[in-house]
Amino acid sequence: WGAREVRHRNHVFRFPAPVTAGEHTY
């Protein structure tokens, strides 16, 4: 549990919103 980036019962990932123009594939 301690290895989670966001301590939540579901799987939650924090990441920066795309800034540069165009499409960003995840």
mmCIF file of all heavy atoms, coordinates in Angstrom:
data_MODEL
# 
_entry.id   MODEL 
# 
loop_
_atom_site.group_PDB 
_atom_site.id 
_atom_site.type_symbol 
_atom_site.label_atom_id 
_atom_site.label_alt_id 
_atom_site.label_comp_id 
_atom_site.label_asym_id 
_atom_site.label_entity_id 
_atom_site.label_seq_id 
_atom_site.pdbx_PDB_ins_code 
_atom_site.Cartn_x 
_atom_site.Cartn_y 
_atom_site.Cartn_z 
_atom_site.occupancy 
_atom_site.B_iso_or_equiv 
_atom_site.pdbx_formal_charge 
_atom_site.auth_seq_id 
_atom_site.auth_comp_id 
_atom_site.auth_asym_id 
_atom_site.auth_atom_id 
_atom_site.pdbx_PDB_model_num 
ATOM 1   N N   . TRP A 1 1  ? 0.816   -1.208 0.000   1.00 0.00 ? 1  TRP A N   1 
ATOM 2   C CA  . TRP A 1 1  ? 0.000   0.000  0.000   1.00 0.00 ? 1  TRP A CA  1 
ATOM 3   C C   . TRP A 1 1  ? 0.856   1.266  0.000   1.00 0.00 ? 1  TRP A C   1 
ATOM 4   O O   . TRP A 1 1  ? 0.537   2.255  -0.657  1.00 0.00 ? 1  TRP A O   1 
ATOM 5   C CB  . TRP A 1 1  ? -0.929  -0.009 1.201   1.00 0.00 ? 1  TRP A CB  1 
ATOM 6   C CG  . TRP A 1 1  ? -1.740  1.241  1.360   1.00 0.00 ? 1  TRP A CG  1 
ATOM 7   C CD1 . TRP A 1 1  ? -1.469  2.303  2.164   1.00 0.00 ? 1  TRP A CD1 1 
ATOM 8   C CD2 . TRP A 1 1  ? -2.938  1.563  0.664   1.00 0.00 ? 1  TRP A CD2 1 
ATOM 9   N NE1 . TRP A 1 1  ? -2.436  3.274  2.033   1.00 0.00 ? 1  TRP A NE1 1 
ATOM 10  C CE2 . TRP A 1 1  ? -3.358  2.842  1.110   1.00 0.00 ? 1  TRP A CE2 1 
ATOM 11  C CE3 . TRP A 1 1  ? -3.713  0.906  -0.276  1.00 0.00 ? 1  TRP A CE3 1 
ATOM 12  C CZ2 . TRP A 1 1  ? -4.500  3.456  0.650   1.00 0.00 ? 1  TRP A CZ2 1 
ATOM 13  C CZ3 . TRP A 1 1  ? -4.860  1.522  -0.742  1.00 0.00 ? 1  TRP A CZ3 1 
ATOM 14  C CH2 . TRP A 1 1  ? -5.239  2.787  -0.287  1.00 0.00 ? 1  TRP A CH2 1 
ATOM 15  N N   . GLY A 1 2  ? 1.953   1.230  0.726   1.00 0.00 ? 2  GLY A N   1 
ATOM 16  C CA  . GLY A 1 2  ? 2.803   2.406  0.819   1.00 0.00 ? 2  GLY A CA  1 
ATOM 17  C C   . GLY A 1 2  ? 3.482   2.775  -0.473  1.00 0.00 ? 2  GLY A C   1 
ATOM 18  O O   . GLY A 1 2  ? 3.998   3.891  -0.607  1.00 0.00 ? 2  GLY A O   1 
ATOM 19  N N   . ALA A 1 3  ? 3.503   1.864  -1.464  1.00 0.00 ? 3  ALA A N   1 
ATOM 20  C CA  . ALA A 1 3  ? 4.150   2.169  -2.736  1.00 0.00 ? 3  ALA A CA  1 
ATOM 21  C C   . ALA A 1 3  ? 3.254   2.951  -3.683  1.00 0.00 ? 3  ALA A C   1 
ATOM 22  O O   . ALA A 1 3  ? 3.715   3.355  -4.756  1.00 0.00 ? 3  ALA A O   1 
ATOM 23  C CB  . ALA A 1 3  ? 4.583   0.863  -3.409  1.00 0.00 ? 3  ALA A CB  1 
ATOM 24  N N   . ARG A 1 4  ? 2.012   3.203  -3.304  1.00 0.00 ? 4  ARG A N   1 
ATOM 25  C CA  . ARG A 1 4  ? 1.102   3.917  -4.199  1.00 0.00 ? 4  ARG A CA  1 
ATOM 26  C C   . ARG A 1 4  ? 1.444   5.406  -4.219  1.00 0.00 ? 4  ARG A C   1 
ATOM 27  O O   . ARG A 1 4  ? 1.714   6.009  -3.182  1.00 0.00 ? 4  ARG A O   1 
ATOM 28  C CB  . ARG A 1 4  ? -0.349  3.720  -3.753  1.00 0.00 ? 4  ARG A CB  1 
ATOM 29  C CG  . ARG A 1 4  ? -0.793  2.270  -3.819  1.00 0.00 ? 4  ARG A CG  1 
ATOM 30  C CD  . ARG A 1 4  ? -2.288  2.128  -3.726  1.00 0.00 ? 4  ARG A CD  1 
ATOM 31  N NE  . ARG A 1 4  ? -2.692  0.732  -3.889  1.00 0.00 ? 4  ARG A NE  1 
ATOM 32  C CZ  . ARG A 1 4  ? -3.942  0.320  -4.066  1.00 0.00 ? 4  ARG A CZ  1 
ATOM 33  N NH1 . ARG A 1 4  ? -4.924  1.217  -4.104  1.00 0.00 ? 4  ARG A NH1 1 
ATOM 34  N NH2 . ARG A 1 4  ? -4.220  -0.965 -4.207  1.00 0.00 ? 4  ARG A NH2 1 
ATOM 35  N N   . GLU A 1 5  ? 1.375   5.957  -5.400  1.00 0.00 ? 5  GLU A N   1 
ATOM 36  C CA  . GLU A 1 5  ? 1.643   7.376  -5.551  1.00 0.00 ? 5  GLU A CA  1 
ATOM 37  C C   . GLU A 1 5  ? 0.556   8.214  -4.899  1.00 0.00 ? 5  GLU A C   1 
ATOM 38  O O   . GLU A 1 5  ? 0.833   9.214  -4.229  1.00 0.00 ? 5  GLU A O   1 
ATOM 39  C CB  . GLU A 1 5  ? 1.758   7.717  -7.042  1.00 0.00 ? 5  GLU A CB  1 
ATOM 40  C CG  . GLU A 1 5  ? 2.040   9.183  -7.328  1.00 0.00 ? 5  GLU A CG  1 
ATOM 41  C CD  . GLU A 1 5  ? 2.101   9.467  -8.817  1.00 0.00 ? 5  GLU A CD  1 
ATOM 42  O OE1 . GLU A 1 5  ? 1.919   8.519  -9.616  1.00 0.00 ? 5  GLU A OE1 1 
ATOM 43  O OE2 . GLU A 1 5  ? 2.310   10.628 -9.187  1.00 0.00 ? 5  GLU A OE2 1 
ATOM 44  N N   . VAL A 1 6  ? -0.683  7.800  -5.084  1.00 0.00 ? 6  VAL A N   1 
ATOM 45  C CA  . VAL A 1 6  ? -1.822  8.445  -4.447  1.00 0.00 ? 6  VAL A CA  1 
ATOM 46  C C   . VAL A 1 6  ? -2.460  7.409  -3.528  1.00 0.00 ? 6  VAL A C   1 
ATOM 47  O O   . VAL A 1 6  ? -2.919  6.360  -3.989  1.00 0.00 ? 6  VAL A O   1 
ATOM 48  C CB  . VAL A 1 6  ? -2.847  8.953  -5.486  1.00 0.00 ? 6  VAL A CB  1 
ATOM 49  C CG1 . VAL A 1 6  ? -4.049  9.582  -4.782  1.00 0.00 ? 6  VAL A CG1 1 
ATOM 50  C CG2 . VAL A 1 6  ? -2.196  9.948  -6.434  1.00 0.00 ? 6  VAL A CG2 1 
ATOM 51  N N   . ARG A 1 7  ? -2.509  7.685  -2.224  1.00 0.00 ? 7  ARG A N   1 
ATOM 52  C CA  . ARG A 1 7  ? -3.037  6.722  -1.254  1.00 0.00 ? 7  ARG A CA  1 
ATOM 53  C C   . ARG A 1 7  ? -4.558  6.718  -1.339  1.00 0.00 ? 7  ARG A C   1 
ATOM 54  O O   . ARG A 1 7  ? -5.251  7.475  -0.660  1.00 0.00 ? 7  ARG A O   1 
ATOM 55  C CB  . ARG A 1 7  ? -2.582  7.103  0.157   1.00 0.00 ? 7  ARG A CB  1 
ATOM 56  C CG  . ARG A 1 7  ? -1.078  7.269  0.304   1.00 0.00 ? 7  ARG A CG  1 
ATOM 57  C CD  . ARG A 1 7  ? -0.350  5.953  0.128   1.00 0.00 ? 7  ARG A CD  1 
ATOM 58  N NE  . ARG A 1 7  ? 1.095   6.120  0.195   1.00 0.00 ? 7  ARG A NE  1 
ATOM 59  C CZ  . ARG A 1 7  ? 1.796   6.154  1.325   1.00 0.00 ? 7  ARG A CZ  1 
ATOM 60  N NH1 . ARG A 1 7  ? 1.185   6.098  2.495   1.00 0.00 ? 7  ARG A NH1 1 
ATOM 61  N NH2 . ARG A 1 7  ? 3.113   6.273  1.294   1.00 0.00 ? 7  ARG A NH2 1 
ATOM 62  N N   . HIS A 1 8  ? -5.063  5.877  -2.189  1.00 0.00 ? 8  HIS A N   1 
ATOM 63  C CA  . HIS A 1 8  ? -6.506  5.795  -2.404  1.00 0.00 ? 8  HIS A CA  1 
ATOM 64  C C   . HIS A 1 8  ? -6.873  4.342  -2.612  1.00 0.00 ? 8  HIS A C   1 
ATOM 65  O O   . HIS A 1 8  ? -6.054  3.536  -3.075  1.00 0.00 ? 8  HIS A O   1 
ATOM 66  C CB  . HIS A 1 8  ? -6.916  6.634  -3.625  1.00 0.00 ? 8  HIS A CB  1 
ATOM 67  C CG  . HIS A 1 8  ? -8.393  6.849  -3.737  1.00 0.00 ? 8  HIS A CG  1 
ATOM 68  N ND1 . HIS A 1 8  ? -9.208  6.020  -4.464  1.00 0.00 ? 8  HIS A ND1 1 
ATOM 69  C CD2 . HIS A 1 8  ? -9.205  7.806  -3.220  1.00 0.00 ? 8  HIS A CD2 1 
ATOM 70  C CE1 . HIS A 1 8  ? -10.455 6.451  -4.391  1.00 0.00 ? 8  HIS A CE1 1 
ATOM 71  N NE2 . HIS A 1 8  ? -10.476 7.533  -3.635  1.00 0.00 ? 8  HIS A NE2 1 
ATOM 72  N N   . ARG A 1 9  ? -8.122  3.996  -2.255  1.00 0.00 ? 9  ARG A N   1 
ATOM 73  C CA  . ARG A 1 9  ? -8.568  2.611  -2.385  1.00 0.00 ? 9  ARG A CA  1 
ATOM 74  C C   . ARG A 1 9  ? -8.589  2.154  -3.830  1.00 0.00 ? 9  ARG A C   1 
ATOM 75  O O   . ARG A 1 9  ? -8.387  0.971  -4.120  1.00 0.00 ? 9  ARG A O   1 
ATOM 76  C CB  . ARG A 1 9  ? -9.952  2.451  -1.754  1.00 0.00 ? 9  ARG A CB  1 
ATOM 77  C CG  . ARG A 1 9  ? -11.003 3.361  -2.350  1.00 0.00 ? 9  ARG A CG  1 
ATOM 78  C CD  . ARG A 1 9  ? -12.312 3.315  -1.557  1.00 0.00 ? 9  ARG A CD  1 
ATOM 79  N NE  . ARG A 1 9  ? -13.319 4.202  -2.152  1.00 0.00 ? 9  ARG A NE  1 
ATOM 80  C CZ  . ARG A 1 9  ? -14.141 3.835  -3.102  1.00 0.00 ? 9  ARG A CZ  1 
ATOM 81  N NH1 . ARG A 1 9  ? -14.090 2.603  -3.594  1.00 0.00 ? 9  ARG A NH1 1 
ATOM 82  N NH2 . ARG A 1 9  ? -15.038 4.690  -3.590  1.00 0.00 ? 9  ARG A NH2 1 
ATOM 83  N N   . ASN A 1 10 ? -8.857  3.072  -4.786  1.00 0.00 ? 10 ASN A N   1 
ATOM 84  C CA  . ASN A 1 10 ? -8.740  2.764  -6.207  1.00 0.00 ? 10 ASN A CA  1 
ATOM 85  C C   . ASN A 1 10 ? -7.329  3.097  -6.690  1.00 0.00 ? 10 ASN A C   1 
ATOM 86  O O   . ASN A 1 10 ? -6.509  3.617  -5.941  1.00 0.00 ? 10 ASN A O   1 
ATOM 87  C CB  . ASN A 1 10 ? -9.780  3.556  -7.008  1.00 0.00 ? 10 ASN A CB  1 
ATOM 88  C CG  . ASN A 1 10 ? -11.193 3.118  -6.699  1.00 0.00 ? 10 ASN A CG  1 
ATOM 89  O OD1 . ASN A 1 10 ? -11.444 1.947  -6.410  1.00 0.00 ? 10 ASN A OD1 1 
ATOM 90  N ND2 . ASN A 1 10 ? -12.129 4.047  -6.745  1.00 0.00 ? 10 ASN A ND2 1 
ATOM 91  N N   . HIS A 1 11 ? -7.077  2.775  -7.938  1.00 0.00 ? 11 HIS A N   1 
ATOM 92  C CA  . HIS A 1 11 ? -5.765  3.064  -8.520  1.00 0.00 ? 11 HIS A CA  1 
ATOM 93  C C   . HIS A 1 11 ? -5.825  4.447  -9.165  1.00 0.00 ? 11 HIS A C   1 
ATOM 94  O O   . HIS A 1 11 ? -6.539  4.662  -10.153 1.00 0.00 ? 11 HIS A O   1 
ATOM 95  C CB  . HIS A 1 11 ? -5.400  1.998  -9.546  1.00 0.00 ? 11 HIS A CB  1 
ATOM 96  C CG  . HIS A 1 11 ? -5.466  0.597  -8.984  1.00 0.00 ? 11 HIS A CG  1 
ATOM 97  N ND1 . HIS A 1 11 ? -4.582  0.124  -8.054  1.00 0.00 ? 11 HIS A ND1 1 
ATOM 98  C CD2 . HIS A 1 11 ? -6.349  -0.403 -9.217  1.00 0.00 ? 11 HIS A CD2 1 
ATOM 99  C CE1 . HIS A 1 11 ? -4.884  -1.128 -7.742  1.00 0.00 ? 11 HIS A CE1 1 
ATOM 100 N NE2 . HIS A 1 11 ? -5.958  -1.464 -8.433  1.00 0.00 ? 11 HIS A NE2 1 
ATOM 101 N N   . VAL A 1 12 ? -5.079  5.399  -8.596  1.00 0.00 ? 12 VAL A N   1 
ATOM 102 C CA  . VAL A 1 12 ? -5.106  6.789  -9.026  1.00 0.00 ? 12 VAL A CA  1 
ATOM 103 C C   . VAL A 1 12 ? -3.684  7.229  -9.356  1.00 0.00 ? 12 VAL A C   1 
ATOM 104 O O   . VAL A 1 12 ? -2.747  6.991  -8.579  1.00 0.00 ? 12 VAL A O   1 
ATOM 105 C CB  . VAL A 1 12 ? -5.715  7.699  -7.939  1.00 0.00 ? 12 VAL A CB  1 
ATOM 106 C CG1 . VAL A 1 12 ? -5.756  9.142  -8.417  1.00 0.00 ? 12 VAL A CG1 1 
ATOM 107 C CG2 . VAL A 1 12 ? -7.118  7.222  -7.571  1.00 0.00 ? 12 VAL A CG2 1 
ATOM 108 N N   . PHE A 1 13 ? -3.543  7.863  -10.519 1.00 0.00 ? 13 PHE A N   1 
ATOM 109 C CA  . PHE A 1 13 ? -2.236  8.348  -10.970 1.00 0.00 ? 13 PHE A CA  1 
ATOM 110 C C   . PHE A 1 13 ? -2.320  9.858  -11.173 1.00 0.00 ? 13 PHE A C   1 
ATOM 111 O O   . PHE A 1 13 ? -3.281  10.360 -11.776 1.00 0.00 ? 13 PHE A O   1 
ATOM 112 C CB  . PHE A 1 13 ? -1.823  7.668  -12.279 1.00 0.00 ? 13 PHE A CB  1 
ATOM 113 C CG  . PHE A 1 13 ? -1.779  6.165  -12.195 1.00 0.00 ? 13 PHE A CG  1 
ATOM 114 C CD1 . PHE A 1 13 ? -2.889  5.405  -12.564 1.00 0.00 ? 13 PHE A CD1 1 
ATOM 115 C CD2 . PHE A 1 13 ? -0.646  5.516  -11.737 1.00 0.00 ? 13 PHE A CD2 1 
ATOM 116 C CE1 . PHE A 1 13 ? -2.854  4.029  -12.505 1.00 0.00 ? 13 PHE A CE1 1 
ATOM 117 C CE2 . PHE A 1 13 ? -0.613  4.131  -11.674 1.00 0.00 ? 13 PHE A CE2 1 
ATOM 118 C CZ  . PHE A 1 13 ? -1.709  3.386  -12.045 1.00 0.00 ? 13 PHE A CZ  1 
ATOM 119 N N   . ARG A 1 14 ? -1.302  10.541 -10.694 1.00 0.00 ? 14 ARG A N   1 
ATOM 120 C CA  . ARG A 1 14 ? -1.210  11.994 -10.873 1.00 0.00 ? 14 ARG A CA  1 
ATOM 121 C C   . ARG A 1 14 ? -0.218  12.284 -12.004 1.00 0.00 ? 14 ARG A C   1 
ATOM 122 O O   . ARG A 1 14 ? 0.892   11.740 -12.019 1.00 0.00 ? 14 ARG A O   1 
ATOM 123 C CB  . ARG A 1 14 ? -0.748  12.645 -9.575  1.00 0.00 ? 14 ARG A CB  1 
ATOM 124 C CG  . ARG A 1 14 ? -0.664  14.179 -9.655  1.00 0.00 ? 14 ARG A CG  1 
ATOM 125 C CD  . ARG A 1 14 ? -0.104  14.765 -8.373  1.00 0.00 ? 14 ARG A CD  1 
ATOM 126 N NE  . ARG A 1 14 ? -1.028  14.600 -7.258  1.00 0.00 ? 14 ARG A NE  1 
ATOM 127 C CZ  . ARG A 1 14 ? -0.806  13.790 -6.228  1.00 0.00 ? 14 ARG A CZ  1 
ATOM 128 N NH1 . ARG A 1 14 ? 0.313   13.077 -6.178  1.00 0.00 ? 14 ARG A NH1 1 
ATOM 129 N NH2 . ARG A 1 14 ? -1.678  13.703 -5.239  1.00 0.00 ? 14 ARG A NH2 1 
ATOM 130 N N   . PHE A 1 15 ? -0.595  13.154 -12.943 1.00 0.00 ? 15 PHE A N   1 
ATOM 131 C CA  . PHE A 1 15 ? 0.309   13.490 -14.048 1.00 0.00 ? 15 PHE A CA  1 
ATOM 132 C C   . PHE A 1 15 ? -0.006  14.906 -14.523 1.00 0.00 ? 15 PHE A C   1 
ATOM 133 O O   . PHE A 1 15 ? -1.131  15.407 -14.337 1.00 0.00 ? 15 PHE A O   1 
ATOM 134 C CB  . PHE A 1 15 ? 0.181   12.477 -15.200 1.00 0.00 ? 15 PHE A CB  1 
ATOM 135 C CG  . PHE A 1 15 ? -1.145  12.500 -15.906 1.00 0.00 ? 15 PHE A CG  1 
ATOM 136 C CD1 . PHE A 1 15 ? -1.306  13.171 -17.111 1.00 0.00 ? 15 PHE A CD1 1 
ATOM 137 C CD2 . PHE A 1 15 ? -2.255  11.846 -15.358 1.00 0.00 ? 15 PHE A CD2 1 
ATOM 138 C CE1 . PHE A 1 15 ? -2.523  13.194 -17.762 1.00 0.00 ? 15 PHE A CE1 1 
ATOM 139 C CE2 . PHE A 1 15 ? -3.472  11.868 -16.005 1.00 0.00 ? 15 PHE A CE2 1 
ATOM 140 C CZ  . PHE A 1 15 ? -3.617  12.531 -17.210 1.00 0.00 ? 15 PHE A CZ  1 
ATOM 141 N N   . PRO A 1 16 ? 0.954   15.562 -15.142 1.00 0.00 ? 16 PRO A N   1 
ATOM 142 C CA  . PRO A 1 16 ? 0.720   16.937 -15.617 1.00 0.00 ? 16 PRO A CA  1 
ATOM 143 C C   . PRO A 1 16 ? -0.174  16.949 -16.850 1.00 0.00 ? 16 PRO A C   1 
ATOM 144 O O   . PRO A 1 16 ? -0.072  16.088 -17.732 1.00 0.00 ? 16 PRO A O   1 
ATOM 145 C CB  . PRO A 1 16 ? 2.119   17.443 -15.938 1.00 0.00 ? 16 PRO A CB  1 
ATOM 146 C CG  . PRO A 1 16 ? 2.907   16.209 -16.220 1.00 0.00 ? 16 PRO A CG  1 
ATOM 147 C CD  . PRO A 1 16 ? 2.358   15.143 -15.336 1.00 0.00 ? 16 PRO A CD  1 
ATOM 148 N N   . ALA A 1 17 ? -1.060  17.938 -16.907 1.00 0.00 ? 17 ALA A N   1 
ATOM 149 C CA  . ALA A 1 17 ? -1.911  18.087 -18.086 1.00 0.00 ? 17 ALA A CA  1 
ATOM 150 C C   . ALA A 1 17 ? -1.057  18.484 -19.284 1.00 0.00 ? 17 ALA A C   1 
ATOM 151 O O   . ALA A 1 17 ? -0.063  19.213 -19.151 1.00 0.00 ? 17 ALA A O   1 
ATOM 152 C CB  . ALA A 1 17 ? -2.981  19.140 -17.828 1.00 0.00 ? 17 ALA A CB  1 
ATOM 153 N N   . PRO A 1 18 ? -1.392  17.983 -20.486 1.00 0.00 ? 18 PRO A N   1 
ATOM 154 C CA  . PRO A 1 18 ? -0.585  18.314 -21.673 1.00 0.00 ? 18 PRO A CA  1 
ATOM 155 C C   . PRO A 1 18 ? -0.675  19.803 -22.001 1.00 0.00 ? 18 PRO A C   1 
ATOM 156 O O   . PRO A 1 18 ? -1.771  20.378 -22.080 1.00 0.00 ? 18 PRO A O   1 
ATOM 157 C CB  . PRO A 1 18 ? -1.209  17.453 -22.773 1.00 0.00 ? 18 PRO A CB  1 
ATOM 158 C CG  . PRO A 1 18 ? -2.586  17.144 -22.303 1.00 0.00 ? 18 PRO A CG  1 
ATOM 159 C CD  . PRO A 1 18 ? -2.518  17.096 -20.819 1.00 0.00 ? 18 PRO A CD  1 
ATOM 160 N N   . VAL A 1 19 ? 0.492   20.400 -22.195 1.00 0.00 ? 19 VAL A N   1 
ATOM 161 C CA  . VAL A 1 19 ? 0.562   21.847 -22.434 1.00 0.00 ? 19 VAL A CA  1 
ATOM 162 C C   . VAL A 1 19 ? 0.731   22.155 -23.909 1.00 0.00 ? 19 VAL A C   1 
ATOM 163 O O   . VAL A 1 19 ? 0.040   23.007 -24.472 1.00 0.00 ? 19 VAL A O   1 
ATOM 164 C CB  . VAL A 1 19 ? 1.711   22.456 -21.610 1.00 0.00 ? 19 VAL A CB  1 
ATOM 165 C CG1 . VAL A 1 19 ? 1.846   23.947 -21.898 1.00 0.00 ? 19 VAL A CG1 1 
ATOM 166 C CG2 . VAL A 1 19 ? 1.496   22.192 -20.129 1.00 0.00 ? 19 VAL A CG2 1 
ATOM 167 N N   . THR A 1 20 ? 1.653   21.462 -24.553 1.00 0.00 ? 20 THR A N   1 
ATOM 168 C CA  . THR A 1 20 ? 1.951   21.760 -25.957 1.00 0.00 ? 20 THR A CA  1 
ATOM 169 C C   . THR A 1 20 ? 0.793   21.358 -26.841 1.00 0.00 ? 20 THR A C   1 
ATOM 170 O O   . THR A 1 20 ? 0.021   20.443 -26.530 1.00 0.00 ? 20 THR A O   1 
ATOM 171 C CB  . THR A 1 20 ? 3.218   21.006 -26.394 1.00 0.00 ? 20 THR A CB  1 
ATOM 172 O OG1 . THR A 1 20 ? 3.022   19.598 -26.186 1.00 0.00 ? 20 THR A OG1 1 
ATOM 173 C CG2 . THR A 1 20 ? 4.427   21.464 -25.586 1.00 0.00 ? 20 THR A CG2 1 
ATOM 174 N N   . ALA A 1 21 ? 0.659   22.046 -27.966 1.00 0.00 ? 21 ALA A N   1 
ATOM 175 C CA  . ALA A 1 21 ? -0.448  21.787 -28.880 1.00 0.00 ? 21 ALA A CA  1 
ATOM 176 C C   . ALA A 1 21 ? -0.302  20.405 -29.509 1.00 0.00 ? 21 ALA A C   1 
ATOM 177 O O   . ALA A 1 21 ? 0.787   19.827 -29.573 1.00 0.00 ? 21 ALA A O   1 
ATOM 178 C CB  . ALA A 1 21 ? -0.482  22.864 -29.957 1.00 0.00 ? 21 ALA A CB  1 
ATOM 179 N N   . GLY A 1 22 ? -1.427  19.886 -30.007 1.00 0.00 ? 22 GLY A N   1 
ATOM 180 C CA  . GLY A 1 22 ? -1.425  18.586 -30.644 1.00 0.00 ? 22 GLY A CA  1 
ATOM 181 C C   . GLY A 1 22 ? -2.003  17.524 -29.720 1.00 0.00 ? 22 GLY A C   1 
ATOM 182 O O   . GLY A 1 22 ? -2.414  17.784 -28.588 1.00 0.00 ? 22 GLY A O   1 
ATOM 183 N N   . GLU A 1 23 ? -2.021  16.297 -30.239 1.00 0.00 ? 23 GLU A N   1 
ATOM 184 C CA  . GLU A 1 23 ? -2.539  15.179 -29.462 1.00 0.00 ? 23 GLU A CA  1 
ATOM 185 C C   . GLU A 1 23 ? -1.407  14.494 -28.710 1.00 0.00 ? 23 GLU A C   1 
ATOM 186 O O   . GLU A 1 23 ? -0.315  14.308 -29.248 1.00 0.00 ? 23 GLU A O   1 
ATOM 187 C CB  . GLU A 1 23 ? -3.245  14.176 -30.373 1.00 0.00 ? 23 GLU A CB  1 
ATOM 188 C CG  . GLU A 1 23 ? -4.510  14.718 -31.020 1.00 0.00 ? 23 GLU A CG  1 
ATOM 189 C CD  . GLU A 1 23 ? -5.219  13.656 -31.829 1.00 0.00 ? 23 GLU A CD  1 
ATOM 190 O OE1 . GLU A 1 23 ? -4.806  12.479 -31.736 1.00 0.00 ? 23 GLU A OE1 1 
ATOM 191 O OE2 . GLU A 1 23 ? -6.179  13.991 -32.546 1.00 0.00 ? 23 GLU A OE2 1 
ATOM 192 N N   . HIS A 1 24 ? -1.703  14.079 -27.499 1.00 0.00 ? 24 HIS A N   1 
ATOM 193 C CA  . HIS A 1 24 ? -0.736  13.383 -26.651 1.00 0.00 ? 24 HIS A CA  1 
ATOM 194 C C   . HIS A 1 24 ? -1.323  12.010 -26.314 1.00 0.00 ? 24 HIS A C   1 
ATOM 195 O O   . HIS A 1 24 ? -2.420  11.912 -25.758 1.00 0.00 ? 24 HIS A O   1 
ATOM 196 C CB  . HIS A 1 24 ? -0.456  14.183 -25.382 1.00 0.00 ? 24 HIS A CB  1 
ATOM 197 C CG  . HIS A 1 24 ? 0.087   15.551 -25.647 1.00 0.00 ? 24 HIS A CG  1 
ATOM 198 N ND1 . HIS A 1 24 ? 1.420   15.857 -25.550 1.00 0.00 ? 24 HIS A ND1 1 
ATOM 199 C CD2 . HIS A 1 24 ? -0.543  16.707 -26.047 1.00 0.00 ? 24 HIS A CD2 1 
ATOM 200 C CE1 . HIS A 1 24 ? 1.614   17.142 -25.832 1.00 0.00 ? 24 HIS A CE1 1 
ATOM 201 N NE2 . HIS A 1 24 ? 0.421   17.676 -26.150 1.00 0.00 ? 24 HIS A NE2 1 
ATOM 202 N N   . THR A 1 25 ? -0.591  10.965 -26.672 1.00 0.00 ? 25 THR A N   1 
ATOM 203 C CA  . THR A 1 25 ? -1.085  9.598  -26.531 1.00 0.00 ? 25 THR A CA  1 
ATOM 204 C C   . THR A 1 25 ? -0.565  8.985  -25.242 1.00 0.00 ? 25 THR A C   1 
ATOM 205 O O   . THR A 1 25 ? 0.636   9.042  -24.943 1.00 0.00 ? 25 THR A O   1 
ATOM 206 C CB  . THR A 1 25 ? -0.649  8.737  -27.730 1.00 0.00 ? 25 THR A CB  1 
ATOM 207 O OG1 . THR A 1 25 ? -1.099  9.374  -28.947 1.00 0.00 ? 25 THR A OG1 1 
ATOM 208 C CG2 . THR A 1 25 ? -1.257  7.347  -27.638 1.00 0.00 ? 25 THR A CG2 1 
ATOM 209 N N   . TYR A 1 26 ? -1.482  8.349  -24.504 1.00 0.00 ? 26 TYR A N   1 
ATOM 210 C CA  . TYR A 1 26 ? -1.168  7.708  -23.226 1.00 0.00 ? 26 TYR A CA  1 
ATOM 211 C C   . TYR A 1 26 ? -1.484  6.219  -23.344 1.00 0.00 ? 26 TYR A C   1 
ATOM 212 O O   . TYR A 1 26 ? -2.395  5.809  -24.071 1.00 0.00 ? 26 TYR A O   1 
ATOM 213 C CB  . TYR A 1 26 ? -1.990  8.326  -22.091 1.00 0.00 ? 26 TYR A CB  1 
ATOM 214 C CG  . TYR A 1 26 ? -1.708  9.798  -21.863 1.00 0.00 ? 26 TYR A CG  1 
ATOM 215 C CD1 . TYR A 1 26 ? -2.282  10.776 -22.690 1.00 0.00 ? 26 TYR A CD1 1 
ATOM 216 C CD2 . TYR A 1 26 ? -0.878  10.215 -20.837 1.00 0.00 ? 26 TYR A CD2 1 
ATOM 217 C CE1 . TYR A 1 26 ? -2.037  12.116 -22.484 1.00 0.00 ? 26 TYR A CE1 1 
ATOM 218 C CE2 . TYR A 1 26 ? -0.626  11.571 -20.623 1.00 0.00 ? 26 TYR A CE2 1 
ATOM 219 C CZ  . TYR A 1 26 ? -1.210  12.514 -21.443 1.00 0.00 ? 26 TYR A CZ  1 
ATOM 220 O OH  . TYR A 1 26 ? -0.952  13.845 -21.232 1.00 0.00 ? 26 TYR A OH  1 
# 
